[in-house]
Amino acid sequence: MSDTGSESDARLEAEFCLENIQGLELEYSVCFDIEDKEQLKLNNR
């Protein structure tokens, strides 16, 4: 679950996640649980 308040913080968290799973063979998708209404306002890219 992410608790960021800005797009730049969200990018940093996503990069951190990607760095930590790099090289792993995953059986399932990686998802972020976004429950904060402010995060839903961030740009979808």
PDB file of N, CA and C in Angstrom:
ATOM      1  N   MET A   1       0.848  -1.173   0.000  1.00  0.00           N
ATOM      2  CA  MET A   1       0.000   0.000   0.000  1.00  0.00           C
ATOM      3  C   MET A   1       0.889   1.230   0.000  1.00  0.00           C
ATOM      4  N   SER A   2       0.540   2.190  -0.805  1.00  0.00           N
ATOM      5  CA  SER A   2       1.314   3.411  -0.927  1.00  0.00           C
ATOM      6  C   SER A   2       0.638   4.552  -0.169  1.00  0.00           C
ATOM      7  N   ASP A   3       1.453   5.453   0.358  1.00  0.00           N
ATOM      8  CA  ASP A   3       0.924   6.589   1.103  1.00  0.00           C
ATOM      9  C   ASP A   3       1.596   7.880   0.625  1.00  0.00           C
ATOM     10  N   THR A   4       1.725   8.052  -0.675  1.00  0.00           N
ATOM     11  CA  THR A   4       2.385   9.235  -1.202  1.00  0.00           C
ATOM     12  C   THR A   4       1.390  10.358  -1.402  1.00  0.00           C
ATOM     13  N   GLY A   5       1.917  11.573  -1.466  1.00  0.00           N
ATOM     14  CA  GLY A   5       1.049  12.720  -1.638  1.00  0.00           C
ATOM     15  C   GLY A   5       1.327  13.482  -2.914  1.00  0.00           C
ATOM     16  N   SER A   6       2.284  13.024  -3.701  1.00  0.00           N
ATOM     17  CA  SER A   6       2.603  13.724  -4.936  1.00  0.00           C
ATOM     18  C   SER A   6       3.017  12.720  -6.010  1.00  0.00           C
ATOM     19  N   GLU A   7       2.991  13.179  -7.230  1.00  0.00           N
ATOM     20  CA  GLU A   7       3.385  12.309  -8.335  1.00  0.00           C
ATOM     21  C   GLU A   7       4.849  11.913  -8.220  1.00  0.00           C
ATOM     22  N   SER A   8       5.703  12.849  -7.822  1.00  0.00           N
ATOM     23  CA  SER A   8       7.132  12.528  -7.712  1.00  0.00           C
ATOM     24  C   SER A   8       7.377  11.477  -6.624  1.00  0.00           C
ATOM     25  N   ASP A   9       6.659  11.560  -5.506  1.00  0.00           N
ATOM     26  CA  ASP A   9       6.788  10.536  -4.462  1.00  0.00           C
ATOM     27  C   ASP A   9       6.284   9.185  -4.954  1.00  0.00           C
ATOM     28  N   ALA A  10       5.204   9.192  -5.706  1.00  0.00           N
ATOM     29  CA  ALA A  10       4.665   7.944  -6.253  1.00  0.00           C
ATOM     30  C   ALA A  10       5.664   7.305  -7.215  1.00  0.00           C
ATOM     31  N   ARG A  11       6.320   8.130  -8.018  1.00  0.00           N
ATOM     32  CA  ARG A  11       7.344   7.608  -8.936  1.00  0.00           C
ATOM     33  C   ARG A  11       8.494   6.959  -8.160  1.00  0.00           C
ATOM     34  N   LEU A  12       8.925   7.628  -7.080  1.00  0.00           N
ATOM     35  CA  LEU A  12      10.007   7.072  -6.271  1.00  0.00           C
ATOM     36  C   LEU A  12       9.608   5.733  -5.672  1.00  0.00           C
ATOM     37  N   GLU A  13       8.390   5.618  -5.189  1.00  0.00           N
ATOM     38  CA  GLU A  13       7.930   4.344  -4.624  1.00  0.00           C
ATOM     39  C   GLU A  13       7.845   3.264  -5.694  1.00  0.00           C
ATOM     40  N   ALA A  14       7.379   3.636  -6.884  1.00  0.00           N
ATOM     41  CA  ALA A  14       7.291   2.657  -7.969  1.00  0.00           C
ATOM     42  C   ALA A  14       8.687   2.197  -8.387  1.00  0.00           C
ATOM     43  N   GLU A  15       9.632   3.132  -8.487  1.00  0.00           N
ATOM     44  CA  GLU A  15      11.011   2.773  -8.834  1.00  0.00           C
ATOM     45  C   GLU A  15      11.616   1.859  -7.773  1.00  0.00           C
ATOM     46  N   PHE A  16      11.344   2.152  -6.491  1.00  0.00           N
ATOM     47  CA  PHE A  16      11.830   1.310  -5.401  1.00  0.00           C
ATOM     48  C   PHE A  16      11.277  -0.107  -5.543  1.00  0.00           C
ATOM     49  N   CYS A  17       9.999  -0.206  -5.839  1.00  0.00           N
ATOM     50  CA  CYS A  17       9.367  -1.519  -6.014  1.00  0.00           C
ATOM     51  C   CYS A  17      10.012  -2.269  -7.178  1.00  0.00           C
ATOM     52  N   LEU A  18      10.168  -1.592  -8.300  1.00  0.00           N
ATOM     53  CA  LEU A  18      10.753  -2.238  -9.475  1.00  0.00           C
ATOM     54  C   LEU A  18      12.185  -2.694  -9.222  1.00  0.00           C
ATOM     55  N   GLU A  19      12.958  -1.887  -8.508  1.00  0.00           N
ATOM     56  CA  GLU A  19      14.331  -2.273  -8.177  1.00  0.00           C
ATOM     57  C   GLU A  19      14.355  -3.536  -7.328  1.00  0.00           C
ATOM     58  N   ASN A  20      13.384  -3.674  -6.433  1.00  0.00           N
ATOM     59  CA  ASN A  20      13.366  -4.815  -5.517  1.00  0.00           C
ATOM     60  C   ASN A  20      12.848  -6.095  -6.146  1.00  0.00           C
ATOM     61  N   ILE A  21      12.113  -5.998  -7.230  1.00  0.00           N
ATOM     62  CA  ILE A  21      11.614  -7.212  -7.884  1.00  0.00           C
ATOM     63  C   ILE A  21      12.385  -7.540  -9.150  1.00  0.00           C
ATOM     64  N   GLN A  22      13.344  -6.688  -9.504  1.00  0.00           N
ATOM     65  CA  GLN A  22      14.131  -6.912 -10.716  1.00  0.00           C
ATOM     66  C   GLN A  22      14.820  -8.266 -10.647  1.00  0.00           C
ATOM     67  N   GLY A  23      14.681  -9.022 -11.713  1.00  0.00           N
ATOM     68  CA  GLY A  23      15.320 -10.328 -11.795  1.00  0.00           C
ATOM     69  C   GLY A  23      14.499 -11.473 -11.218  1.00  0.00           C
ATOM     70  N   LEU A  24      13.403 -11.167 -10.558  1.00  0.00           N
ATOM     71  CA  LEU A  24      12.550 -12.220 -10.008  1.00  0.00           C
ATOM     72  C   LEU A  24      11.590 -12.739 -11.068  1.00  0.00           C
ATOM     73  N   GLU A  25      11.297 -14.012 -11.017  1.00  0.00           N
ATOM     74  CA  GLU A  25      10.285 -14.577 -11.894  1.00  0.00           C
ATOM     75  C   GLU A  25       8.977 -14.606 -11.108  1.00  0.00           C
ATOM     76  N   LEU A  26       8.092 -13.695 -11.442  1.00  0.00           N
ATOM     77  CA  LEU A  26       6.847 -13.544 -10.698  1.00  0.00           C
ATOM     78  C   LEU A  26       5.731 -14.385 -11.305  1.00  0.00           C
ATOM     79  N   GLU A  27       4.903 -14.949 -10.447  1.00  0.00           N
ATOM     80  CA  GLU A  27       3.755 -15.724 -10.904  1.00  0.00           C
ATOM     81  C   GLU A  27       2.508 -14.858 -11.040  1.00  0.00           C
ATOM     82  N   TYR A  28       2.502 -13.711 -10.331  1.00  0.00           N
ATOM     83  CA  TYR A  28       1.327 -12.842 -10.318  1.00  0.00           C
ATOM     84  C   TYR A  28       1.736 -11.409 -10.642  1.00  0.00           C
ATOM     85  N   SER A  29       0.783 -10.599 -10.982  1.00  0.00           N
ATOM     86  CA  SER A  29       1.022  -9.188 -11.262  1.00  0.00           C
ATOM     87  C   SER A  29       1.420  -8.449  -9.988  1.00  0.00           C
ATOM     88  N   VAL A  30       2.136  -7.355 -10.185  1.00  0.00           N
ATOM     89  CA  VAL A  30       2.468  -6.469  -9.070  1.00  0.00           C
ATOM     90  C   VAL A  30       1.500  -5.299  -9.130  1.00  0.00           C
ATOM     91  N   CYS A  31       0.830  -5.030  -8.012  1.00  0.00           N
ATOM     92  CA  CYS A  31      -0.188  -3.976  -7.971  1.00  0.00           C
ATOM     93  C   CYS A  31       0.041  -3.083  -6.771  1.00  0.00           C
ATOM     94  N   PHE A  32      -0.432  -1.855  -6.876  1.00  0.00           N
ATOM     95  CA  PHE A  32      -0.410  -0.930  -5.751  1.00  0.00           C
ATOM     96  C   PHE A  32      -1.833  -0.736  -5.270  1.00  0.00           C
ATOM     97  N   ASP A  33      -2.011  -0.783  -3.967  1.00  0.00           N
ATOM     98  CA  ASP A  33      -3.310  -0.560  -3.344  1.00  0.00           C
ATOM     99  C   ASP A  33      -3.435   0.927  -3.040  1.00  0.00           C
ATOM    100  N   ILE A  34      -4.220   1.642  -3.837  1.00  0.00           N
ATOM    101  CA  ILE A  34      -4.387   3.087  -3.656  1.00  0.00           C
ATOM    102  C   ILE A  34      -5.744   3.325  -3.021  1.00  0.00           C
ATOM    103  N   GLU A  35      -5.717   3.789  -1.769  1.00  0.00           N
ATOM    104  CA  GLU A  35      -6.957   4.039  -1.056  1.00  0.00           C
ATOM    105  C   GLU A  35      -7.155   5.513  -0.727  1.00  0.00           C
ATOM    106  N   ASP A  36      -6.113   6.310  -0.880  1.00  0.00           N
ATOM    107  CA  ASP A  36      -6.185   7.727  -0.565  1.00  0.00           C
ATOM    108  C   ASP A  36      -6.802   8.480  -1.737  1.00  0.00           C
ATOM    109  N   LYS A  37      -7.841   9.269  -1.490  1.00  0.00           N
ATOM    110  CA  LYS A  37      -8.522  10.005  -2.558  1.00  0.00           C
ATOM    111  C   LYS A  37      -7.586  10.964  -3.277  1.00  0.00           C
ATOM    112  N   GLU A  38      -6.601  11.505  -2.581  1.00  0.00           N
ATOM    113  CA  GLU A  38      -5.653  12.427  -3.203  1.00  0.00           C
ATOM    114  C   GLU A  38      -4.834  11.716  -4.270  1.00  0.00           C
ATOM    115  N   GLN A  39      -4.483  10.459  -4.048  1.00  0.00           N
ATOM    116  CA  GLN A  39      -3.694   9.724  -5.019  1.00  0.00           C
ATOM    117  C   GLN A  39      -4.477   9.458  -6.293  1.00  0.00           C
ATOM    118  N   LEU A  40      -5.763   9.338  -6.185  1.00  0.00           N
ATOM    119  CA  LEU A  40      -6.585   9.080  -7.366  1.00  0.00           C
ATOM    120  C   LEU A  40      -6.573  10.277  -8.313  1.00  0.00           C
ATOM    121  N   LYS A  41      -6.189  11.446  -7.818  1.00  0.00           N
ATOM    122  CA  LYS A  41      -6.111  12.645  -8.640  1.00  0.00           C
ATOM    123  C   LYS A  41      -4.810  12.714  -9.444  1.00  0.00           C
ATOM    124  N   LEU A  42      -3.823  11.860  -9.109  1.00  0.00           N
ATOM    125  CA  LEU A  42      -2.559  11.886  -9.804  1.00  0.00           C
ATOM    126  C   LEU A  42      -2.719  11.438 -11.255  1.00  0.00           C
ATOM    127  N   ASN A  43      -1.848  11.898 -12.088  1.00  0.00           N
ATOM    128  CA  ASN A  43      -1.880  11.603 -13.514  1.00  0.00           C
ATOM    129  C   ASN A  43      -1.670  10.115 -13.776  1.00  0.00           C
ATOM    130  N   ASN A  44      -2.536   9.507 -14.560  1.00  0.00           N
ATOM    131  CA  ASN A  44      -2.371   8.100 -14.963  1.00  0.00           C
ATOM    132  C   ASN A  44      -1.504   8.039 -16.201  1.00  0.00           C
ATOM    133  N   ARG A  45      -0.376   7.382 -16.080  1.00  0.00           N
ATOM    134  CA  ARG A  45       0.524   7.195 -17.235  1.00  0.00           C
ATOM    135  C   ARG A  45       0.934   5.769 -17.333  1.00  0.00           C
TER     136      ARG A  45
END
